[in-house]
Amino acid sequence: MDEKKLWRKAPSPCVSVCKFRDEGQCIACRMTKSEKKRFKRLDGAKKRRAFFLQLAERLEGAGRWNYWSRMYRRRCERKDRAHPLDLIEASRTEATERKAA
């Protein structure tokens, strides 16, 4: 599957925990209720990619990236759906390398 199609077809970052505590964010995926609704309406690979990258930063900042990425992979595998996690991790690695240089 090409990269654009992968982003366009990416499943919701929700991992079906849905407990909103920290500043109205879910304790598992760190999305707010309005972001969960907005994700469903995002059209196009660029918008979905930007959403995922922003969420990845938030998850990392909250120390929840490892938990979420494990749960998201598992959820996508169960549903036999492709996911963009490898692309997200590559983008995060590139950003870290740029900061270090």
PDB file of N, CA and C in Angstrom:
ATOM      1  N   MET A   1       0.854  -1.174   0.000  1.00  0.00           N
ATOM      2  CA  MET A   1       0.000   0.000   0.000  1.00  0.00           C
ATOM      3  C   MET A   1       0.902   1.240   0.000  1.00  0.00           C
ATOM      4  N   ASP A   2       0.599   2.188  -0.883  1.00  0.00           N
ATOM      5  CA  ASP A   2       1.435   3.392  -0.915  1.00  0.00           C
ATOM      6  C   ASP A   2       1.154   4.269   0.303  1.00  0.00           C
ATOM      7  N   GLU A   3       2.089   5.181   0.561  1.00  0.00           N
ATOM      8  CA  GLU A   3       2.029   5.979   1.783  1.00  0.00           C
ATOM      9  C   GLU A   3       0.781   6.849   1.864  1.00  0.00           C
ATOM     10  N   LYS A   4       0.416   7.491   0.750  1.00  0.00           N
ATOM     11  CA  LYS A   4      -0.771   8.350   0.768  1.00  0.00           C
ATOM     12  C   LYS A   4      -2.031   7.565   1.117  1.00  0.00           C
ATOM     13  N   LYS A   5      -2.163   6.413   0.499  1.00  0.00           N
ATOM     14  CA  LYS A   5      -3.346   5.591   0.739  1.00  0.00           C
ATOM     15  C   LYS A   5      -3.365   5.098   2.188  1.00  0.00           C
ATOM     16  N   LEU A   6      -2.185   4.773   2.710  1.00  0.00           N
ATOM     17  CA  LEU A   6      -2.103   4.314   4.097  1.00  0.00           C
ATOM     18  C   LEU A   6      -2.594   5.388   5.055  1.00  0.00           C
ATOM     19  N   TRP A   7      -2.161   6.637   4.831  1.00  0.00           N
ATOM     20  CA  TRP A   7      -2.628   7.728   5.696  1.00  0.00           C
ATOM     21  C   TRP A   7      -4.124   7.968   5.528  1.00  0.00           C
ATOM     22  N   ARG A   8      -4.601   7.925   4.291  1.00  0.00           N
ATOM     23  CA  ARG A   8      -6.022   8.181   4.020  1.00  0.00           C
ATOM     24  C   ARG A   8      -6.912   7.130   4.678  1.00  0.00           C
ATOM     25  N   LYS A   9      -6.449   5.888   4.706  1.00  0.00           N
ATOM     26  CA  LYS A   9      -7.245   4.772   5.236  1.00  0.00           C
ATOM     27  C   LYS A   9      -6.933   4.450   6.701  1.00  0.00           C
ATOM     28  N   ALA A  10      -6.074   5.234   7.337  1.00  0.00           N
ATOM     29  CA  ALA A  10      -5.658   4.945   8.718  1.00  0.00           C
ATOM     30  C   ALA A  10      -6.857   4.897   9.657  1.00  0.00           C
ATOM     31  N   PRO A  11      -6.945   3.840  10.456  1.00  0.00           N
ATOM     32  CA  PRO A  11      -8.030   3.752  11.437  1.00  0.00           C
ATOM     33  C   PRO A  11      -7.889   4.825  12.514  1.00  0.00           C
ATOM     34  N   SER A  12      -8.947   5.117  13.185  1.00  0.00           N
ATOM     35  CA  SER A  12      -8.938   6.095  14.263  1.00  0.00           C
ATOM     36  C   SER A  12      -7.888   5.730  15.306  1.00  0.00           C
ATOM     37  N   PRO A  13      -7.218   6.733  15.872  1.00  0.00           N
ATOM     38  CA  PRO A  13      -6.236   6.477  16.926  1.00  0.00           C
ATOM     39  C   PRO A  13      -6.858   5.987  18.240  1.00  0.00           C
ATOM     40  N   CYS A  14      -8.164   5.988  18.323  1.00  0.00           N
ATOM     41  CA  CYS A  14      -8.860   5.524  19.527  1.00  0.00           C
ATOM     42  C   CYS A  14      -8.562   4.038  19.756  1.00  0.00           C
ATOM     43  N   VAL A  15      -8.273   3.678  21.002  1.00  0.00           N
ATOM     44  CA  VAL A  15      -8.018   2.276  21.342  1.00  0.00           C
ATOM     45  C   VAL A  15      -9.117   1.717  22.244  1.00  0.00           C
ATOM     46  N   SER A  16     -10.277   2.352  22.232  1.00  0.00           N
ATOM     47  CA  SER A  16     -11.499   1.890  22.906  1.00  0.00           C
ATOM     48  C   SER A  16     -11.398   1.811  24.429  1.00  0.00           C
ATOM     49  N   VAL A  17     -10.709   2.761  25.032  1.00  0.00           N
ATOM     50  CA  VAL A  17     -10.678   2.879  26.490  1.00  0.00           C
ATOM     51  C   VAL A  17     -11.664   3.971  26.904  1.00  0.00           C
ATOM     52  N   CYS A  18     -11.564   5.126  26.288  1.00  0.00           N
ATOM     53  CA  CYS A  18     -12.501   6.240  26.415  1.00  0.00           C
ATOM     54  C   CYS A  18     -12.843   6.648  27.857  1.00  0.00           C
ATOM     55  N   LYS A  19     -11.824   7.025  28.586  1.00  0.00           N
ATOM     56  CA  LYS A  19     -12.006   7.597  29.923  1.00  0.00           C
ATOM     57  C   LYS A  19     -11.350   8.963  29.896  1.00  0.00           C
ATOM     58  N   PHE A  20     -12.183   9.989  29.964  1.00  0.00           N
ATOM     59  CA  PHE A  20     -11.708  11.365  29.824  1.00  0.00           C
ATOM     60  C   PHE A  20     -11.430  11.960  31.200  1.00  0.00           C
ATOM     61  N   ARG A  21     -10.155  12.205  31.465  1.00  0.00           N
ATOM     62  CA  ARG A  21      -9.778  12.769  32.757  1.00  0.00           C
ATOM     63  C   ARG A  21      -8.864  13.972  32.584  1.00  0.00           C
ATOM     64  N   ASP A  22      -7.670  13.742  32.150  1.00  0.00           N
ATOM     65  CA  ASP A  22      -6.636  14.769  32.085  1.00  0.00           C
ATOM     66  C   ASP A  22      -6.977  15.859  31.080  1.00  0.00           C
ATOM     67  N   GLU A  23      -7.461  16.993  31.605  1.00  0.00           N
ATOM     68  CA  GLU A  23      -7.815  18.143  30.762  1.00  0.00           C
ATOM     69  C   GLU A  23      -8.787  17.758  29.651  1.00  0.00           C
ATOM     70  N   GLY A  24      -9.678  16.827  29.936  1.00  0.00           N
ATOM     71  CA  GLY A  24     -10.661  16.396  28.959  1.00  0.00           C
ATOM     72  C   GLY A  24     -10.122  15.445  27.913  1.00  0.00           C
ATOM     73  N   GLN A  25      -8.901  14.929  28.134  1.00  0.00           N
ATOM     74  CA  GLN A  25      -8.296  13.994  27.191  1.00  0.00           C
ATOM     75  C   GLN A  25      -8.476  12.561  27.688  1.00  0.00           C
ATOM     76  N   CYS A  26      -8.642  11.654  26.740  1.00  0.00           N
ATOM     77  CA  CYS A  26      -8.756  10.232  27.067  1.00  0.00           C
ATOM     78  C   CYS A  26      -7.436   9.761  27.682  1.00  0.00           C
ATOM     79  N   ILE A  27      -7.502   8.925  28.684  1.00  0.00           N
ATOM     80  CA  ILE A  27      -6.282   8.460  29.342  1.00  0.00           C
ATOM     81  C   ILE A  27      -5.467   7.520  28.437  1.00  0.00           C
ATOM     82  N   ALA A  28      -6.064   6.949  27.407  1.00  0.00           N
ATOM     83  CA  ALA A  28      -5.361   6.010  26.537  1.00  0.00           C
ATOM     84  C   ALA A  28      -4.810   6.680  25.280  1.00  0.00           C
ATOM     85  N   CYS A  29      -5.667   7.357  24.528  1.00  0.00           N
ATOM     86  CA  CYS A  29      -5.227   7.912  23.240  1.00  0.00           C
ATOM     87  C   CYS A  29      -4.922   9.408  23.296  1.00  0.00           C
ATOM     88  N   ARG A  30      -5.275  10.067  24.416  1.00  0.00           N
ATOM     89  CA  ARG A  30      -5.031  11.498  24.637  1.00  0.00           C
ATOM     90  C   ARG A  30      -5.854  12.412  23.728  1.00  0.00           C
ATOM     91  N   MET A  31      -6.869  11.886  23.059  1.00  0.00           N
ATOM     92  CA  MET A  31      -7.744  12.735  22.253  1.00  0.00           C
ATOM     93  C   MET A  31      -8.891  13.235  23.121  1.00  0.00           C
ATOM     94  N   THR A  32      -9.403  14.412  22.770  1.00  0.00           N
ATOM     95  CA  THR A  32     -10.605  14.920  23.415  1.00  0.00           C
ATOM     96  C   THR A  32     -11.812  14.365  22.666  1.00  0.00           C
ATOM     97  N   LYS A  33     -12.985  14.538  23.244  1.00  0.00           N
ATOM     98  CA  LYS A  33     -14.198  14.069  22.565  1.00  0.00           C
ATOM     99  C   LYS A  33     -14.370  14.756  21.212  1.00  0.00           C
ATOM    100  N   SER A  34     -14.106  16.043  21.152  1.00  0.00           N
ATOM    101  CA  SER A  34     -14.276  16.759  19.881  1.00  0.00           C
ATOM    102  C   SER A  34     -13.237  16.306  18.845  1.00  0.00           C
ATOM    103  N   GLU A  35     -12.029  15.970  19.278  1.00  0.00           N
ATOM    104  CA  GLU A  35     -11.021  15.470  18.334  1.00  0.00           C
ATOM    105  C   GLU A  35     -11.411  14.103  17.788  1.00  0.00           C
ATOM    106  N   LYS A  36     -12.019  13.286  18.626  1.00  0.00           N
ATOM    107  CA  LYS A  36     -12.477  11.974  18.152  1.00  0.00           C
ATOM    108  C   LYS A  36     -13.532  12.145  17.055  1.00  0.00           C
ATOM    109  N   LYS A  37     -14.433  13.079  17.244  1.00  0.00           N
ATOM    110  CA  LYS A  37     -15.455  13.349  16.225  1.00  0.00           C
ATOM    111  C   LYS A  37     -14.828  13.946  14.977  1.00  0.00           C
ATOM    112  N   ARG A  38     -13.883  14.871  15.180  1.00  0.00           N
ATOM    113  CA  ARG A  38     -13.243  15.541  14.048  1.00  0.00           C
ATOM    114  C   ARG A  38     -12.439  14.561  13.203  1.00  0.00           C
ATOM    115  N   PHE A  39     -11.784  13.583  13.830  1.00  0.00           N
ATOM    116  CA  PHE A  39     -10.972  12.625  13.080  1.00  0.00           C
ATOM    117  C   PHE A  39     -11.808  11.903  12.031  1.00  0.00           C
ATOM    118  N   LYS A  40     -13.015  11.557  12.384  1.00  0.00           N
ATOM    119  CA  LYS A  40     -13.893  10.845  11.452  1.00  0.00           C
ATOM    120  C   LYS A  40     -14.171  11.656  10.191  1.00  0.00           C
ATOM    121  N   ARG A  41     -14.135  12.990  10.312  1.00  0.00           N
ATOM    122  CA  ARG A  41     -14.443  13.854   9.171  1.00  0.00           C
ATOM    123  C   ARG A  41     -13.198  14.315   8.411  1.00  0.00           C
ATOM    124  N   LEU A  42     -12.010  13.967   8.900  1.00  0.00           N
ATOM    125  CA  LEU A  42     -10.786  14.383   8.214  1.00  0.00           C
ATOM    126  C   LEU A  42     -10.690  13.680   6.863  1.00  0.00           C
ATOM    127  N   ASP A  43     -10.506  14.464   5.840  1.00  0.00           N
ATOM    128  CA  ASP A  43     -10.350  13.861   4.519  1.00  0.00           C
ATOM    129  C   ASP A  43      -8.964  14.199   3.983  1.00  0.00           C
ATOM    130  N   GLY A  44      -8.355  13.254   3.358  1.00  0.00           N
ATOM    131  CA  GLY A  44      -7.051  13.471   2.761  1.00  0.00           C
ATOM    132  C   GLY A  44      -5.909  12.999   3.637  1.00  0.00           C
ATOM    133  N   ALA A  45      -4.874  12.542   2.979  1.00  0.00           N
ATOM    134  CA  ALA A  45      -3.714  11.992   3.668  1.00  0.00           C
ATOM    135  C   ALA A  45      -2.977  13.044   4.485  1.00  0.00           C
ATOM    136  N   LYS A  46      -2.856  14.264   3.961  1.00  0.00           N
ATOM    137  CA  LYS A  46      -2.100  15.309   4.662  1.00  0.00           C
ATOM    138  C   LYS A  46      -2.730  15.668   6.005  1.00  0.00           C
ATOM    139  N   LYS A  47      -4.036  15.793   6.019  1.00  0.00           N
ATOM    140  CA  LYS A  47      -4.724  16.155   7.261  1.00  0.00           C
ATOM    141  C   LYS A  47      -4.621  15.046   8.300  1.00  0.00           C
ATOM    142  N   ARG A  48      -4.783  13.814   7.857  1.00  0.00           N
ATOM    143  CA  ARG A  48      -4.686  12.694   8.798  1.00  0.00           C
ATOM    144  C   ARG A  48      -3.260  12.526   9.304  1.00  0.00           C
ATOM    145  N   ARG A  49      -2.281  12.714   8.430  1.00  0.00           N
ATOM    146  CA  ARG A  49      -0.883  12.613   8.843  1.00  0.00           C
ATOM    147  C   ARG A  49      -0.570  13.679   9.895  1.00  0.00           C
ATOM    148  N   ALA A  50      -0.996  14.896   9.648  1.00  0.00           N
ATOM    149  CA  ALA A  50      -0.764  15.988  10.604  1.00  0.00           C
ATOM    150  C   ALA A  50      -1.431  15.686  11.944  1.00  0.00           C
ATOM    151  N   PHE A  51      -2.641  15.152  11.907  1.00  0.00           N
ATOM    152  CA  PHE A  51      -3.360  14.808  13.129  1.00  0.00           C
ATOM    153  C   PHE A  51      -2.582  13.760  13.927  1.00  0.00           C
ATOM    154  N   PHE A  52      -2.149  12.705  13.257  1.00  0.00           N
ATOM    155  CA  PHE A  52      -1.409  11.636  13.929  1.00  0.00           C
ATOM    156  C   PHE A  52      -0.088  12.150  14.505  1.00  0.00           C
ATOM    157  N   LEU A  53       0.626  12.986  13.755  1.00  0.00           N
ATOM    158  CA  LEU A  53       1.906  13.488  14.248  1.00  0.00           C
ATOM    159  C   LEU A  53       1.720  14.389  15.467  1.00  0.00           C
ATOM    160  N   GLN A  54       0.683  15.212  15.445  1.00  0.00           N
ATOM    161  CA  GLN A  54       0.385  16.058  16.602  1.00  0.00           C
ATOM    162  C   GLN A  54       0.022  15.189  17.812  1.00  0.00           C
ATOM    163  N   LEU A  55      -0.762  14.173  17.571  1.00  0.00           N
ATOM    164  CA  LEU A  55      -1.156  13.272  18.653  1.00  0.00           C
ATOM    165  C   LEU A  55       0.054  12.511  19.193  1.00  0.00           C
ATOM    166  N   ALA A  56       0.967  12.123  18.315  1.00  0.00           N
ATOM    167  CA  ALA A  56       2.178  11.411  18.741  1.00  0.00           C
ATOM    168  C   ALA A  56       3.001  12.277  19.696  1.00  0.00           C
ATOM    169  N   GLU A  57       3.106  13.565  19.393  1.00  0.00           N
ATOM    170  CA  GLU A  57       3.828  14.483  20.281  1.00  0.00           C
ATOM    171  C   GLU A  57       3.154  14.554  21.645  1.00  0.00           C
ATOM    172  N   ARG A  58       1.837  14.646  21.638  1.00  0.00           N
ATOM    173  CA  ARG A  58       1.075  14.725  22.885  1.00  0.00           C
ATOM    174  C   ARG A  58       1.246  13.452  23.712  1.00  0.00           C
ATOM    175  N   LEU A  59       1.182  12.301  23.040  1.00  0.00           N
ATOM    176  CA  LEU A  59       1.351  11.028  23.731  1.00  0.00           C
ATOM    177  C   LEU A  59       2.752  10.909  24.314  1.00  0.00           C
ATOM    178  N   GLU A  60       3.744  11.315  23.551  1.00  0.00           N
ATOM    179  CA  GLU A  60       5.124  11.267  24.031  1.00  0.00           C
ATOM    180  C   GLU A  60       5.296  12.183  25.235  1.00  0.00           C
ATOM    181  N   GLY A  61       4.746  13.372  25.158  1.00  0.00           N
ATOM    182  CA  GLY A  61       4.840  14.327  26.262  1.00  0.00           C
ATOM    183  C   GLY A  61       4.191  13.823  27.536  1.00  0.00           C
ATOM    184  N   ALA A  62       3.147  13.027  27.385  1.00  0.00           N
ATOM    185  CA  ALA A  62       2.439  12.485  28.541  1.00  0.00           C
ATOM    186  C   ALA A  62       3.018  11.145  29.001  1.00  0.00           C
ATOM    187  N   GLY A  63       4.031  10.672  28.282  1.00  0.00           N
ATOM    188  CA  GLY A  63       4.629   9.380  28.630  1.00  0.00           C
ATOM    189  C   GLY A  63       3.744   8.202  28.297  1.00  0.00           C
ATOM    190  N   ARG A  64       2.867   8.367  27.323  1.00  0.00           N
ATOM    191  CA  ARG A  64       1.905   7.325  26.967  1.00  0.00           C
ATOM    192  C   ARG A  64       2.146   6.707  25.590  1.00  0.00           C
ATOM    193  N   TRP A  65       3.197   7.133  24.884  1.00  0.00           N
ATOM    194  CA  TRP A  65       3.435   6.651  23.518  1.00  0.00           C
ATOM    195  C   TRP A  65       3.563   5.131  23.464  1.00  0.00           C
ATOM    196  N   ASN A  66       4.387   4.539  24.309  1.00  0.00           N
ATOM    197  CA  ASN A  66       4.625   3.094  24.250  1.00  0.00           C
ATOM    198  C   ASN A  66       3.343   2.302  24.489  1.00  0.00           C
ATOM    199  N   TYR A  67       2.577   2.712  25.477  1.00  0.00           N
ATOM    200  CA  TYR A  67       1.307   2.023  25.752  1.00  0.00           C
ATOM    201  C   TYR A  67       0.360   2.160  24.559  1.00  0.00           C
ATOM    202  N   TRP A  68       0.166   3.390  24.106  1.00  0.00           N
ATOM    203  CA  TRP A  68      -0.781   3.619  23.022  1.00  0.00           C
ATOM    204  C   TRP A  68      -0.369   2.892  21.746  1.00  0.00           C
ATOM    205  N   SER A  69       0.905   2.988  21.372  1.00  0.00           N
ATOM    206  CA  SER A  69       1.334   2.363  20.112  1.00  0.00           C
ATOM    207  C   SER A  69       1.158   0.851  20.159  1.00  0.00           C
ATOM    208  N   ARG A  70       1.412   0.250  21.313  1.00  0.00           N
ATOM    209  CA  ARG A  70       1.204  -1.198  21.460  1.00  0.00           C
ATOM    210  C   ARG A  70      -0.277  -1.544  21.311  1.00  0.00           C
ATOM    211  N   MET A  71      -1.138  -0.776  21.969  1.00  0.00           N
ATOM    212  CA  MET A  71      -2.573  -1.039  21.897  1.00  0.00           C
ATOM    213  C   MET A  71      -3.136  -0.773  20.493  1.00  0.00           C
ATOM    214  N   TYR A  72      -2.650   0.284  19.851  1.00  0.00           N
ATOM    215  CA  TYR A  72      -3.135   0.628  18.508  1.00  0.00           C
ATOM    216  C   TYR A  72      -2.732  -0.445  17.499  1.00  0.00           C
ATOM    217  N   ARG A  73      -1.477  -0.898  17.578  1.00  0.00           N
ATOM    218  CA  ARG A  73      -1.033  -1.986  16.686  1.00  0.00           C
ATOM    219  C   ARG A  73      -1.911  -3.220  16.879  1.00  0.00           C
ATOM    220  N   ARG A  74      -2.145  -3.575  18.128  1.00  0.00           N
ATOM    221  CA  ARG A  74      -2.943  -4.761  18.437  1.00  0.00           C
ATOM    222  C   ARG A  74      -4.359  -4.613  17.880  1.00  0.00           C
ATOM    223  N   ARG A  75      -4.937  -3.435  18.060  1.00  0.00           N
ATOM    224  CA  ARG A  75      -6.296  -3.189  17.563  1.00  0.00           C
ATOM    225  C   ARG A  75      -6.356  -3.311  16.037  1.00  0.00           C
ATOM    226  N   CYS A  76      -5.389  -2.728  15.361  1.00  0.00           N
ATOM    227  CA  CYS A  76      -5.359  -2.781  13.892  1.00  0.00           C
ATOM    228  C   CYS A  76      -5.129  -4.204  13.390  1.00  0.00           C
ATOM    229  N   GLU A  77      -4.275  -4.945  14.063  1.00  0.00           N
ATOM    230  CA  GLU A  77      -4.011  -6.329  13.664  1.00  0.00           C
ATOM    231  C   GLU A  77      -5.257  -7.190  13.823  1.00  0.00           C
ATOM    232  N   ARG A  78      -5.984  -6.992  14.929  1.00  0.00           N
ATOM    233  CA  ARG A  78      -7.213  -7.760  15.143  1.00  0.00           C
ATOM    234  C   ARG A  78      -8.234  -7.498  14.048  1.00  0.00           C
ATOM    235  N   LYS A  79      -8.278  -6.255  13.583  1.00  0.00           N
ATOM    236  CA  LYS A  79      -9.243  -5.895  12.543  1.00  0.00           C
ATOM    237  C   LYS A  79      -8.663  -6.082  11.142  1.00  0.00           C
ATOM    238  N   ASP A  80      -7.416  -6.587  11.074  1.00  0.00           N
ATOM    239  CA  ASP A  80      -6.718  -6.798   9.809  1.00  0.00           C
ATOM    240  C   ASP A  80      -6.678  -5.514   8.977  1.00  0.00           C
ATOM    241  N   ARG A  81      -6.289  -4.424   9.638  1.00  0.00           N
ATOM    242  CA  ARG A  81      -6.203  -3.109   8.993  1.00  0.00           C
ATOM    243  C   ARG A  81      -4.764  -2.616   9.000  1.00  0.00           C
ATOM    244  N   ALA A  82      -4.365  -1.975   7.934  1.00  0.00           N
ATOM    245  CA  ALA A  82      -3.036  -1.370   7.874  1.00  0.00           C
ATOM    246  C   ALA A  82      -3.024  -0.134   8.771  1.00  0.00           C
ATOM    247  N   HIS A  83      -1.868   0.164   9.338  1.00  0.00           N
ATOM    248  CA  HIS A  83      -1.760   1.325  10.225  1.00  0.00           C
ATOM    249  C   HIS A  83      -0.492   2.105   9.885  1.00  0.00           C
ATOM    250  N   PRO A  84      -0.445   3.386  10.240  1.00  0.00           N
ATOM    251  CA  PRO A  84       0.700   4.229   9.892  1.00  0.00           C
ATOM    252  C   PRO A  84       1.774   4.329  10.982  1.00  0.00           C
ATOM    253  N   LEU A  85       1.768   3.447  11.964  1.00  0.00           N
ATOM    254  CA  LEU A  85       2.700   3.601  13.082  1.00  0.00           C
ATOM    255  C   LEU A  85       4.162   3.586  12.659  1.00  0.00           C
ATOM    256  N   ASP A  86       4.525   2.745  11.717  1.00  0.00           N
ATOM    257  CA  ASP A  86       5.921   2.713  11.275  1.00  0.00           C
ATOM    258  C   ASP A  86       6.309   4.049  10.645  1.00  0.00           C
ATOM    259  N   LEU A  87       5.388   4.668   9.927  1.00  0.00           N
ATOM    260  CA  LEU A  87       5.647   5.978   9.324  1.00  0.00           C
ATOM    261  C   LEU A  87       5.770   7.053  10.399  1.00  0.00           C
ATOM    262  N   ILE A  88       4.944   6.976  11.423  1.00  0.00           N
ATOM    263  CA  ILE A  88       4.993   7.943  12.521  1.00  0.00           C
ATOM    264  C   ILE A  88       6.325   7.814  13.253  1.00  0.00           C
ATOM    265  N   GLU A  89       6.715   6.589  13.546  1.00  0.00           N
ATOM    266  CA  GLU A  89       7.966   6.381  14.269  1.00  0.00           C
ATOM    267  C   GLU A  89       9.165   6.854  13.451  1.00  0.00           C
ATOM    268  N   ALA A  90       9.124   6.670  12.141  1.00  0.00           N
ATOM    269  CA  ALA A  90      10.203   7.157  11.278  1.00  0.00           C
ATOM    270  C   ALA A  90      10.260   8.686  11.311  1.00  0.00           C
ATOM    271  N   SER A  91       9.108   9.342  11.271  1.00  0.00           N
ATOM    272  CA  SER A  91       9.048  10.806  11.340  1.00  0.00           C
ATOM    273  C   SER A  91       9.572  11.311  12.676  1.00  0.00           C
ATOM    274  N   ARG A  92       9.228  10.631  13.753  1.00  0.00           N
ATOM    275  CA  ARG A  92       9.691  11.025  15.078  1.00  0.00           C
ATOM    276  C   ARG A  92      11.207  10.859  15.189  1.00  0.00           C
ATOM    277  N   THR A  93      11.754   9.794  14.606  1.00  0.00           N
ATOM    278  CA  THR A  93      13.192   9.547  14.638  1.00  0.00           C
ATOM    279  C   THR A  93      13.930  10.630  13.870  1.00  0.00           C
ATOM    280  N   GLU A  94      13.395  10.988  12.691  1.00  0.00           N
ATOM    281  CA  GLU A  94      14.009  12.058  11.893  1.00  0.00           C
ATOM    282  C   GLU A  94      14.016  13.372  12.649  1.00  0.00           C
ATOM    283  N   ALA A  95      12.932  13.693  13.310  1.00  0.00           N
ATOM    284  CA  ALA A  95      12.832  14.938  14.072  1.00  0.00           C
ATOM    285  C   ALA A  95      13.833  14.954  15.226  1.00  0.00           C
ATOM    286  N   THR A  96      13.995  13.831  15.888  1.00  0.00           N
ATOM    287  CA  THR A  96      14.949  13.732  16.986  1.00  0.00           C
ATOM    288  C   THR A  96      16.378  13.896  16.486  1.00  0.00           C
ATOM    289  N   GLU A  97      16.677  13.294  15.346  1.00  0.00           N
ATOM    290  CA  GLU A  97      18.013  13.411  14.762  1.00  0.00           C
ATOM    291  C   GLU A  97      18.306  14.855  14.352  1.00  0.00           C
ATOM    292  N   ARG A  98      17.301  15.550  13.820  1.00  0.00           N
ATOM    293  CA  ARG A  98      17.496  16.951  13.425  1.00  0.00           C
ATOM    294  C   ARG A  98      17.781  17.828  14.652  1.00  0.00           C
ATOM    295  N   LYS A  99      17.090  17.547  15.751  1.00  0.00           N
ATOM    296  CA  LYS A  99      17.309  18.318  16.982  1.00  0.00           C
ATOM    297  C   LYS A  99      18.709  18.089  17.532  1.00  0.00           C
ATOM    298  N   ALA A 100      19.195  16.853  17.414  1.00  0.00           N
ATOM    299  CA  ALA A 100      20.513  16.503  17.947  1.00  0.00           C
ATOM    300  C   ALA A 100      21.647  17.112  17.107  1.00  0.00           C
ATOM    301  N   ALA A 101      21.394  17.338  15.834  1.00  0.00           N
ATOM    302  CA  ALA A 101      22.451  17.850  14.925  1.00  0.00           C
ATOM    303  C   ALA A 101      22.708  19.314  15.073  1.00  0.00           C
TER     304      ALA A 101
END
